[in-house]
Amino acid sequence: MSNLNAVREHYDEFLAEYYDWMFGTPVQAIVEEQKVALQAAGVKSGLGGRAVDLGCGSGFQSLALRELGYEVLAIDTSEKLLTRLADRAGNRGISTRLADIRGLDEFVDGPTFDVAVCMGDTLPHLPQRQDVSRLFDSIVRALKPGGRFVLSYRDLARSALTGSDRFILVRGDAERVMTCFLEYRDSETVTVTDLIHVRNEGGGWGLRKSSYTKLRLDLGWVRAQLQRSGFTIAEERSGRMCTIVAAKPWGMPGE
């Protein structure tokens, strides 16, 4: 099974059921947080503008962009999460597409969007580093001159965790406990195993588990690939989550 198929199966057959729960916050509160974060990244109110959410999940950023006034195209490989987003969006100006984000060029014809976002932890799900570089090329083609690209992803490129530190508690309550286990295979990838203990009707506990591979992406490498694609870097922040705000320059060749 290819890595992307493994990721798709991990979400639709395993994680989608618990996706919103594991954040531990009401969905609308997360949407409000994302709206503030996008505004802080220079995403202005977008009445009449268009935005694309790459790897949208159940739609935290898509809903935030819509509340900022954008017409949103939300793309993901998880049918279950897209269905959840569609149910939440109703007729509020968000269209969903079940697709691989690496195929952005196939359904976007030239500079179309004012804003692109790829947030949460979508980027490390791509199979290879070359896919990251090509995606950046596609995004810069899809953005209008002056358009913003907001990117965030989990930093797995730092020193590998060892021993019991590889077990990370994600969230727990009286009915469910979610733990993540990391296995560092090499300098470029890490195998992630999600373990969810679920209380059953008899009062005991059952275990569900699923694994997939993520890329370890150094912030400096990601920055360099964005610049190679033609973006200018407006802001970057490192930490447990890396965030980069990039812009497509006015007057890029071919515009």
C-alpha atoms as a PDB file:
ATOM      1  CA  MET A   1       0.000   0.000   0.000  1.00  0.00           C
ATOM      2  CA  SER A   2       1.375   3.460  -0.910  1.00  0.00           C
ATOM      3  CA  ASN A   3       1.848   5.973   1.871  1.00  0.00           C
ATOM      4  CA  LEU A   4      -0.955   8.195   0.596  1.00  0.00           C
ATOM      5  CA  ASN A   5      -3.362   5.261   0.485  1.00  0.00           C
ATOM      6  CA  ALA A   6      -2.302   4.332   4.009  1.00  0.00           C
ATOM      7  CA  VAL A   7      -3.022   7.887   5.154  1.00  0.00           C
ATOM      8  CA  ARG A   8      -6.413   7.883   3.420  1.00  0.00           C
ATOM      9  CA  GLU A   9      -7.326   4.578   5.062  1.00  0.00           C
ATOM     10  CA  HIS A  10      -6.034   5.783   8.442  1.00  0.00           C
ATOM     11  CA  TYR A  11      -8.390   8.753   8.360  1.00  0.00           C
ATOM     12  CA  ASP A  12     -11.495   7.213   6.824  1.00  0.00           C
ATOM     13  CA  GLU A  13     -11.355   3.855   8.587  1.00  0.00           C
ATOM     14  CA  PHE A  14      -9.934   4.996  11.923  1.00  0.00           C
ATOM     15  CA  LEU A  15      -9.293   8.628  12.824  1.00  0.00           C
ATOM     16  CA  ALA A  16     -12.294  10.389  11.264  1.00  0.00           C
ATOM     17  CA  GLU A  17     -14.560   9.109  14.030  1.00  0.00           C
ATOM     18  CA  TYR A  18     -12.396  10.798  16.686  1.00  0.00           C
ATOM     19  CA  TYR A  19     -11.004  13.710  14.660  1.00  0.00           C
ATOM     20  CA  ASP A  20     -12.977  16.564  16.234  1.00  0.00           C
ATOM     21  CA  TRP A  21     -12.955  14.977  19.698  1.00  0.00           C
ATOM     22  CA  MET A  22      -9.170  14.812  19.913  1.00  0.00           C
ATOM     23  CA  PHE A  23      -8.893  18.629  19.787  1.00  0.00           C
ATOM     24  CA  GLY A  24     -10.813  18.853  23.077  1.00  0.00           C
ATOM     25  CA  THR A  25     -12.516  22.140  22.141  1.00  0.00           C
ATOM     26  CA  PRO A  26     -15.940  22.913  20.615  1.00  0.00           C
ATOM     27  CA  VAL A  27     -15.702  23.245  16.844  1.00  0.00           C
ATOM     28  CA  GLN A  28     -16.891  26.868  16.722  1.00  0.00           C
ATOM     29  CA  ALA A  29     -14.261  27.841  19.286  1.00  0.00           C
ATOM     30  CA  ILE A  30     -11.578  26.278  17.058  1.00  0.00           C
ATOM     31  CA  VAL A  31     -12.991  28.139  14.048  1.00  0.00           C
ATOM     32  CA  GLU A  32     -12.766  31.426  15.973  1.00  0.00           C
ATOM     33  CA  GLU A  33      -9.153  30.650  16.939  1.00  0.00           C
ATOM     34  CA  GLN A  34      -8.291  29.928  13.312  1.00  0.00           C
ATOM     35  CA  LYS A  35      -9.959  33.134  12.157  1.00  0.00           C
ATOM     36  CA  VAL A  36      -7.797  35.129  14.568  1.00  0.00           C
ATOM     37  CA  ALA A  37      -4.686  33.215  13.461  1.00  0.00           C
ATOM     38  CA  LEU A  38      -5.411  33.846   9.779  1.00  0.00           C
ATOM     39  CA  GLN A  39      -5.969  37.545  10.371  1.00  0.00           C
ATOM     40  CA  ALA A  40      -2.671  37.681  12.309  1.00  0.00           C
ATOM     41  CA  ALA A  41      -1.034  36.071   9.245  1.00  0.00           C
ATOM     42  CA  GLY A  42      -2.226  38.955   7.095  1.00  0.00           C
ATOM     43  CA  VAL A  43      -5.350  37.331   5.633  1.00  0.00           C
ATOM     44  CA  LYS A  44      -7.732  40.256   5.313  1.00  0.00           C
ATOM     45  CA  SER A  45     -11.511  40.172   5.106  1.00  0.00           C
ATOM     46  CA  GLY A  46     -12.178  38.670   1.713  1.00  0.00           C
ATOM     47  CA  LEU A  47     -15.613  39.737   0.514  1.00  0.00           C
ATOM     48  CA  GLY A  48     -15.681  38.592  -3.092  1.00  0.00           C
ATOM     49  CA  GLY A  49     -12.337  36.796  -2.774  1.00  0.00           C
ATOM     50  CA  ARG A  50     -11.545  33.111  -3.226  1.00  0.00           C
ATOM     51  CA  ALA A  51      -9.543  30.770  -1.006  1.00  0.00           C
ATOM     52  CA  VAL A  52      -8.406  27.148  -1.224  1.00  0.00           C
ATOM     53  CA  ASP A  53      -7.945  24.926   1.843  1.00  0.00           C
ATOM     54  CA  LEU A  54      -5.512  22.092   1.062  1.00  0.00           C
ATOM     55  CA  GLY A  55      -6.033  19.099   3.340  1.00  0.00           C
ATOM     56  CA  CYS A  56      -9.068  20.680   4.965  1.00  0.00           C
ATOM     57  CA  GLY A  57     -10.037  17.846   7.324  1.00  0.00           C
ATOM     58  CA  SER A  58     -13.404  18.588   8.916  1.00  0.00           C
ATOM     59  CA  GLY A  59     -13.072  22.247   7.998  1.00  0.00           C
ATOM     60  CA  PHE A  60     -11.719  24.435  10.811  1.00  0.00           C
ATOM     61  CA  GLN A  61      -9.807  26.698   8.417  1.00  0.00           C
ATOM     62  CA  SER A  62     -12.431  26.476   5.655  1.00  0.00           C
ATOM     63  CA  LEU A  63     -15.139  27.708   8.009  1.00  0.00           C
ATOM     64  CA  ALA A  64     -12.855  30.462   9.319  1.00  0.00           C
ATOM     65  CA  LEU A  65     -12.076  31.629   5.781  1.00  0.00           C
ATOM     66  CA  ARG A  66     -15.773  31.644   4.930  1.00  0.00           C
ATOM     67  CA  GLU A  67     -16.530  33.752   8.000  1.00  0.00           C
ATOM     68  CA  LEU A  68     -13.851  36.163   6.766  1.00  0.00           C
ATOM     69  CA  GLY A  69     -15.833  36.517   3.542  1.00  0.00           C
ATOM     70  CA  TYR A  70     -14.103  34.128   1.109  1.00  0.00           C
ATOM     71  CA  GLU A  71     -15.629  31.626  -1.275  1.00  0.00           C
ATOM     72  CA  VAL A  72     -13.746  28.469  -0.315  1.00  0.00           C
ATOM     73  CA  LEU A  73     -12.650  25.358  -2.183  1.00  0.00           C
ATOM     74  CA  ALA A  74     -11.909  22.666   0.441  1.00  0.00           C
ATOM     75  CA  ILE A  75      -9.838  19.659  -0.683  1.00  0.00           C
ATOM     76  CA  ASP A  76      -9.134  16.438   1.183  1.00  0.00           C
ATOM     77  CA  THR A  77      -8.737  12.694   0.575  1.00  0.00           C
ATOM     78  CA  SER A  78     -11.065  11.735   3.456  1.00  0.00           C
ATOM     79  CA  GLU A  79     -14.636  11.329   2.281  1.00  0.00           C
ATOM     80  CA  LYS A  80     -15.925  11.135   5.866  1.00  0.00           C
ATOM     81  CA  LEU A  81     -14.287  14.401   6.925  1.00  0.00           C
ATOM     82  CA  LEU A  82     -15.456  16.184   3.775  1.00  0.00           C
ATOM     83  CA  THR A  83     -19.004  15.006   4.441  1.00  0.00           C
ATOM     84  CA  ARG A  84     -18.783  16.434   7.949  1.00  0.00           C
ATOM     85  CA  LEU A  85     -17.565  19.767   6.572  1.00  0.00           C
ATOM     86  CA  ALA A  86     -20.327  19.847   3.948  1.00  0.00           C
ATOM     87  CA  ASP A  87     -22.938  19.231   6.647  1.00  0.00           C
ATOM     88  CA  ARG A  88     -21.544  22.103   8.712  1.00  0.00           C
ATOM     89  CA  ALA A  89     -21.187  24.489   5.789  1.00  0.00           C
ATOM     90  CA  GLY A  90     -24.680  23.988   4.347  1.00  0.00           C
ATOM     91  CA  ASN A  91     -24.996  26.583   1.596  1.00  0.00           C
ATOM     92  CA  ARG A  92     -22.451  28.962   3.114  1.00  0.00           C
ATOM     93  CA  GLY A  93     -20.098  29.251   0.153  1.00  0.00           C
ATOM     94  CA  ILE A  94     -17.790  26.271   0.739  1.00  0.00           C
ATOM     95  CA  SER A  95     -17.414  23.687  -2.016  1.00  0.00           C
ATOM     96  CA  THR A  96     -15.690  20.388  -1.236  1.00  0.00           C
ATOM     97  CA  ARG A  97     -13.610  18.174  -3.493  1.00  0.00           C
ATOM     98  CA  LEU A  98     -12.487  14.626  -2.747  1.00  0.00           C
ATOM     99  CA  ALA A  99      -9.002  14.719  -4.262  1.00  0.00           C
ATOM    100  CA  ASP A 100      -5.269  14.444  -3.757  1.00  0.00           C
ATOM    101  CA  ILE A 101      -3.891  17.940  -3.178  1.00  0.00           C
ATOM    102  CA  ARG A 102      -0.961  17.071  -5.438  1.00  0.00           C
ATOM    103  CA  GLY A 103      -3.447  17.283  -8.339  1.00  0.00           C
ATOM    104  CA  LEU A 104      -4.236  20.968  -7.758  1.00  0.00           C
ATOM    105  CA  ASP A 105      -3.164  21.899 -11.302  1.00  0.00           C
ATOM    106  CA  GLU A 106      -5.726  19.483 -12.736  1.00  0.00           C
ATOM    107  CA  PHE A 107      -8.743  21.411 -11.496  1.00  0.00           C
ATOM    108  CA  VAL A 108      -7.457  24.973 -11.090  1.00  0.00           C
ATOM    109  CA  ASP A 109      -6.889  26.906 -14.294  1.00  0.00           C
ATOM    110  CA  GLY A 110      -4.336  29.634 -13.694  1.00  0.00           C
ATOM    111  CA  PRO A 111      -4.235  32.307 -10.981  1.00  0.00           C
ATOM    112  CA  THR A 112      -7.603  31.887  -9.258  1.00  0.00           C
ATOM    113  CA  PHE A 113      -7.221  32.302  -5.494  1.00  0.00           C
ATOM    114  CA  ASP A 114      -6.437  35.202  -3.186  1.00  0.00           C
ATOM    115  CA  VAL A 115      -5.507  32.904  -0.289  1.00  0.00           C
ATOM    116  CA  ALA A 116      -4.250  29.336   0.027  1.00  0.00           C
ATOM    117  CA  VAL A 117      -3.880  27.491   3.326  1.00  0.00           C
ATOM    118  CA  CYS A 118      -2.339  24.124   4.146  1.00  0.00           C
ATOM    119  CA  MET A 119      -2.594  23.843   7.909  1.00  0.00           C
ATOM    120  CA  GLY A 120      -2.779  21.417  10.802  1.00  0.00           C
ATOM    121  CA  ASP A 121      -0.406  18.671   9.725  1.00  0.00           C
ATOM    122  CA  THR A 122      -1.226  18.059   6.065  1.00  0.00           C
ATOM    123  CA  LEU A 123       2.194  18.643   4.528  1.00  0.00           C
ATOM    124  CA  PRO A 124       4.033  15.745   6.277  1.00  0.00           C
ATOM    125  CA  HIS A 125       1.372  13.325   4.983  1.00  0.00           C
ATOM    126  CA  LEU A 126       2.735  13.642   1.435  1.00  0.00           C
ATOM    127  CA  PRO A 127       4.735  10.587   0.325  1.00  0.00           C
ATOM    128  CA  GLN A 128       8.007  12.270  -0.670  1.00  0.00           C
ATOM    129  CA  ARG A 129       9.839  15.563  -0.379  1.00  0.00           C
ATOM    130  CA  GLN A 130       9.541  16.015  -4.144  1.00  0.00           C
ATOM    131  CA  ASP A 131       5.767  16.083  -3.677  1.00  0.00           C
ATOM    132  CA  VAL A 132       6.138  19.003  -1.262  1.00  0.00           C
ATOM    133  CA  SER A 133       8.234  20.952  -3.770  1.00  0.00           C
ATOM    134  CA  ARG A 134       5.804  20.276  -6.617  1.00  0.00           C
ATOM    135  CA  LEU A 135       2.840  21.238  -4.452  1.00  0.00           C
ATOM    136  CA  PHE A 136       4.436  24.631  -3.754  1.00  0.00           C
ATOM    137  CA  ASP A 137       4.854  25.116  -7.520  1.00  0.00           C
ATOM    138  CA  SER A 138       1.166  24.340  -8.006  1.00  0.00           C
ATOM    139  CA  ILE A 139       0.093  26.712  -5.245  1.00  0.00           C
ATOM    140  CA  VAL A 140       2.074  29.635  -6.608  1.00  0.00           C
ATOM    141  CA  ARG A 141       0.440  29.039 -10.016  1.00  0.00           C
ATOM    142  CA  ALA A 142      -3.009  28.937  -8.412  1.00  0.00           C
ATOM    143  CA  LEU A 143      -2.607  32.211  -6.495  1.00  0.00           C
ATOM    144  CA  LYS A 144      -3.232  35.665  -7.879  1.00  0.00           C
ATOM    145  CA  PRO A 145      -0.303  38.102  -7.669  1.00  0.00           C
ATOM    146  CA  GLY A 146      -0.080  39.351  -4.090  1.00  0.00           C
ATOM    147  CA  GLY A 147      -1.918  36.251  -2.836  1.00  0.00           C
ATOM    148  CA  ARG A 148      -1.102  34.771   0.586  1.00  0.00           C
ATOM    149  CA  PHE A 149      -0.134  31.207   1.426  1.00  0.00           C
ATOM    150  CA  VAL A 150      -0.405  30.200   5.102  1.00  0.00           C
ATOM    151  CA  LEU A 151       1.297  26.922   5.991  1.00  0.00           C
ATOM    152  CA  SER A 152       1.601  25.090   9.298  1.00  0.00           C
ATOM    153  CA  TYR A 153       2.854  21.615  10.143  1.00  0.00           C
ATOM    154  CA  ARG A 154       4.199  19.596  13.045  1.00  0.00           C
ATOM    155  CA  ASP A 155       7.985  19.728  13.438  1.00  0.00           C
ATOM    156  CA  LEU A 156       9.224  16.131  13.430  1.00  0.00           C
ATOM    157  CA  ALA A 157      12.678  17.043  12.109  1.00  0.00           C
ATOM    158  CA  ARG A 158      14.182  17.911  15.481  1.00  0.00           C
ATOM    159  CA  SER A 159      16.168  15.391  17.494  1.00  0.00           C
ATOM    160  CA  ALA A 160      14.351  12.067  17.537  1.00  0.00           C
ATOM    161  CA  LEU A 161      12.506  11.235  20.716  1.00  0.00           C
ATOM    162  CA  THR A 162      13.751   8.133  22.503  1.00  0.00           C
ATOM    163  CA  GLY A 163      12.454   5.624  25.032  1.00  0.00           C
ATOM    164  CA  SER A 164       9.159   6.395  26.726  1.00  0.00           C
ATOM    165  CA  ASP A 165       9.207   9.961  25.346  1.00  0.00           C
ATOM    166  CA  ARG A 166       8.028   8.435  22.040  1.00  0.00           C
ATOM    167  CA  PHE A 167       4.598   7.893  23.644  1.00  0.00           C
ATOM    168  CA  ILE A 168       2.523  11.097  23.549  1.00  0.00           C
ATOM    169  CA  LEU A 169      -0.853  11.528  25.212  1.00  0.00           C
ATOM    170  CA  VAL A 170      -3.176  13.289  22.759  1.00  0.00           C
ATOM    171  CA  ARG A 171      -6.352  13.409  24.836  1.00  0.00           C
ATOM    172  CA  GLY A 172      -8.272  11.381  27.387  1.00  0.00           C
ATOM    173  CA  ASP A 173     -11.662  11.460  29.044  1.00  0.00           C
ATOM    174  CA  ALA A 174     -13.915   8.998  30.861  1.00  0.00           C
ATOM    175  CA  GLU A 175     -14.766   7.153  27.633  1.00  0.00           C
ATOM    176  CA  ARG A 176     -11.664   7.382  25.444  1.00  0.00           C
ATOM    177  CA  VAL A 177      -7.892   7.743  25.746  1.00  0.00           C
ATOM    178  CA  MET A 178      -5.759   8.538  22.693  1.00  0.00           C
ATOM    179  CA  THR A 179      -1.993   8.027  22.621  1.00  0.00           C
ATOM    180  CA  CYS A 180       0.450   8.509  19.750  1.00  0.00           C
ATOM    181  CA  PHE A 181       3.649   6.443  19.370  1.00  0.00           C
ATOM    182  CA  LEU A 182       6.545   7.614  17.168  1.00  0.00           C
ATOM    183  CA  GLU A 183       9.136   5.361  15.517  1.00  0.00           C
ATOM    184  CA  TYR A 184      11.963   7.259  13.814  1.00  0.00           C
ATOM    185  CA  ARG A 185      12.900   5.128  10.810  1.00  0.00           C
ATOM    186  CA  ASP A 186      15.512   7.429   9.229  1.00  0.00           C
ATOM    187  CA  SER A 187      16.393  11.106   8.847  1.00  0.00           C
ATOM    188  CA  GLU A 188      13.410  11.795   6.566  1.00  0.00           C
ATOM    189  CA  THR A 189      10.471   9.750   7.916  1.00  0.00           C
ATOM    190  CA  VAL A 190       8.750   8.711  11.117  1.00  0.00           C
ATOM    191  CA  THR A 191       6.111   6.006  11.555  1.00  0.00           C
ATOM    192  CA  VAL A 192       3.156   7.227  13.603  1.00  0.00           C
ATOM    193  CA  THR A 193       0.908   4.758  15.432  1.00  0.00           C
ATOM    194  CA  ASP A 194      -2.299   6.113  16.936  1.00  0.00           C
ATOM    195  CA  LEU A 195      -3.705   4.065  19.838  1.00  0.00           C
ATOM    196  CA  ILE A 196      -7.237   4.725  21.087  1.00  0.00           C
ATOM    197  CA  HIS A 197      -8.626   2.915  24.112  1.00  0.00           C
ATOM    198  CA  VAL A 198     -12.431   3.019  24.063  1.00  0.00           C
ATOM    199  CA  ARG A 199     -14.678   2.050  26.966  1.00  0.00           C
ATOM    200  CA  ASN A 200     -17.178  -0.616  25.867  1.00  0.00           C
ATOM    201  CA  GLU A 201     -20.729  -1.196  27.031  1.00  0.00           C
ATOM    202  CA  GLY A 202     -19.650  -3.735  29.635  1.00  0.00           C
ATOM    203  CA  GLY A 203     -17.387  -1.202  31.317  1.00  0.00           C
ATOM    204  CA  GLY A 204     -14.128  -2.696  30.046  1.00  0.00           C
ATOM    205  CA  TRP A 205     -11.783  -1.215  27.484  1.00  0.00           C
ATOM    206  CA  GLY A 206     -11.108  -2.034  23.846  1.00  0.00           C
ATOM    207  CA  LEU A 207      -8.102  -0.949  21.796  1.00  0.00           C
ATOM    208  CA  ARG A 208      -8.107   0.460  18.260  1.00  0.00           C
ATOM    209  CA  LYS A 209      -4.844   1.158  16.467  1.00  0.00           C
ATOM    210  CA  SER A 210      -3.545   2.318  13.095  1.00  0.00           C
ATOM    211  CA  SER A 211      -0.163   3.355  11.654  1.00  0.00           C
ATOM    212  CA  TYR A 212       1.120   5.489   8.792  1.00  0.00           C
ATOM    213  CA  THR A 213       4.298   7.366   7.815  1.00  0.00           C
ATOM    214  CA  LYS A 214       5.022  11.094   8.014  1.00  0.00           C
ATOM    215  CA  LEU A 215       7.804  13.184   6.513  1.00  0.00           C
ATOM    216  CA  ARG A 216      10.280  14.942   8.796  1.00  0.00           C
ATOM    217  CA  LEU A 217      10.467  18.436   7.296  1.00  0.00           C
ATOM    218  CA  ASP A 218      13.091  20.893   8.468  1.00  0.00           C
ATOM    219  CA  LEU A 219      11.866  24.497   8.563  1.00  0.00           C
ATOM    220  CA  GLY A 220      14.897  25.729   6.623  1.00  0.00           C
ATOM    221  CA  TRP A 221      14.287  23.196   3.851  1.00  0.00           C
ATOM    222  CA  VAL A 222      10.605  24.121   3.595  1.00  0.00           C
ATOM    223  CA  ARG A 223      11.479  27.818   3.443  1.00  0.00           C
ATOM    224  CA  ALA A 224      14.015  27.169   0.679  1.00  0.00           C
ATOM    225  CA  GLN A 225      11.467  25.216  -1.380  1.00  0.00           C
ATOM    226  CA  LEU A 226       8.913  28.015  -1.070  1.00  0.00           C
ATOM    227  CA  GLN A 227      11.505  30.530  -2.238  1.00  0.00           C
ATOM    228  CA  ARG A 228      12.525  28.246  -5.103  1.00  0.00           C
ATOM    229  CA  SER A 229       8.875  28.215  -6.223  1.00  0.00           C
ATOM    230  CA  GLY A 230       8.868  32.022  -6.280  1.00  0.00           C
ATOM    231  CA  PHE A 231       7.283  32.880  -2.924  1.00  0.00           C
ATOM    232  CA  THR A 232       8.564  35.600  -0.651  1.00  0.00           C
ATOM    233  CA  ILE A 233       8.507  34.835   3.069  1.00  0.00           C
ATOM    234  CA  ALA A 234       6.485  37.298   5.134  1.00  0.00           C
ATOM    235  CA  GLU A 235       6.712  35.515   8.492  1.00  0.00           C
ATOM    236  CA  GLU A 236       7.825  32.261  10.062  1.00  0.00           C
ATOM    237  CA  ARG A 237       7.566  30.731  13.517  1.00  0.00           C
ATOM    238  CA  SER A 238       9.182  27.553  14.800  1.00  0.00           C
ATOM    239  CA  GLY A 239       8.254  25.370  17.742  1.00  0.00           C
ATOM    240  CA  ARG A 240       6.131  22.265  18.184  1.00  0.00           C
ATOM    241  CA  MET A 241       4.200  23.541  15.177  1.00  0.00           C
ATOM    242  CA  CYS A 242       6.005  25.424  12.409  1.00  0.00           C
ATOM    243  CA  THR A 243       4.141  28.250  10.691  1.00  0.00           C
ATOM    244  CA  ILE A 244       5.172  30.062   7.508  1.00  0.00           C
ATOM    245  CA  VAL A 245       3.329  32.920   5.839  1.00  0.00           C
ATOM    246  CA  ALA A 246       4.381  33.385   2.213  1.00  0.00           C
ATOM    247  CA  ALA A 247       3.249  35.703  -0.570  1.00  0.00           C
ATOM    248  CA  LYS A 248       3.207  35.504  -4.349  1.00  0.00           C
ATOM    249  CA  PRO A 249       5.039  38.600  -5.598  1.00  0.00           C
ATOM    250  CA  TRP A 250       3.356  41.055  -7.908  1.00  0.00           C
ATOM    251  CA  GLY A 251       4.575  40.799 -11.483  1.00  0.00           C
ATOM    252  CA  MET A 252       5.926  37.240 -11.354  1.00  0.00           C
ATOM    253  CA  PRO A 253       7.032  36.011 -14.811  1.00  0.00           C
ATOM    254  CA  GLY A 254       4.095  34.640 -16.763  1.00  0.00           C
ATOM    255  CA  GLU A 255       1.525  36.924 -15.099  1.00  0.00           C
END
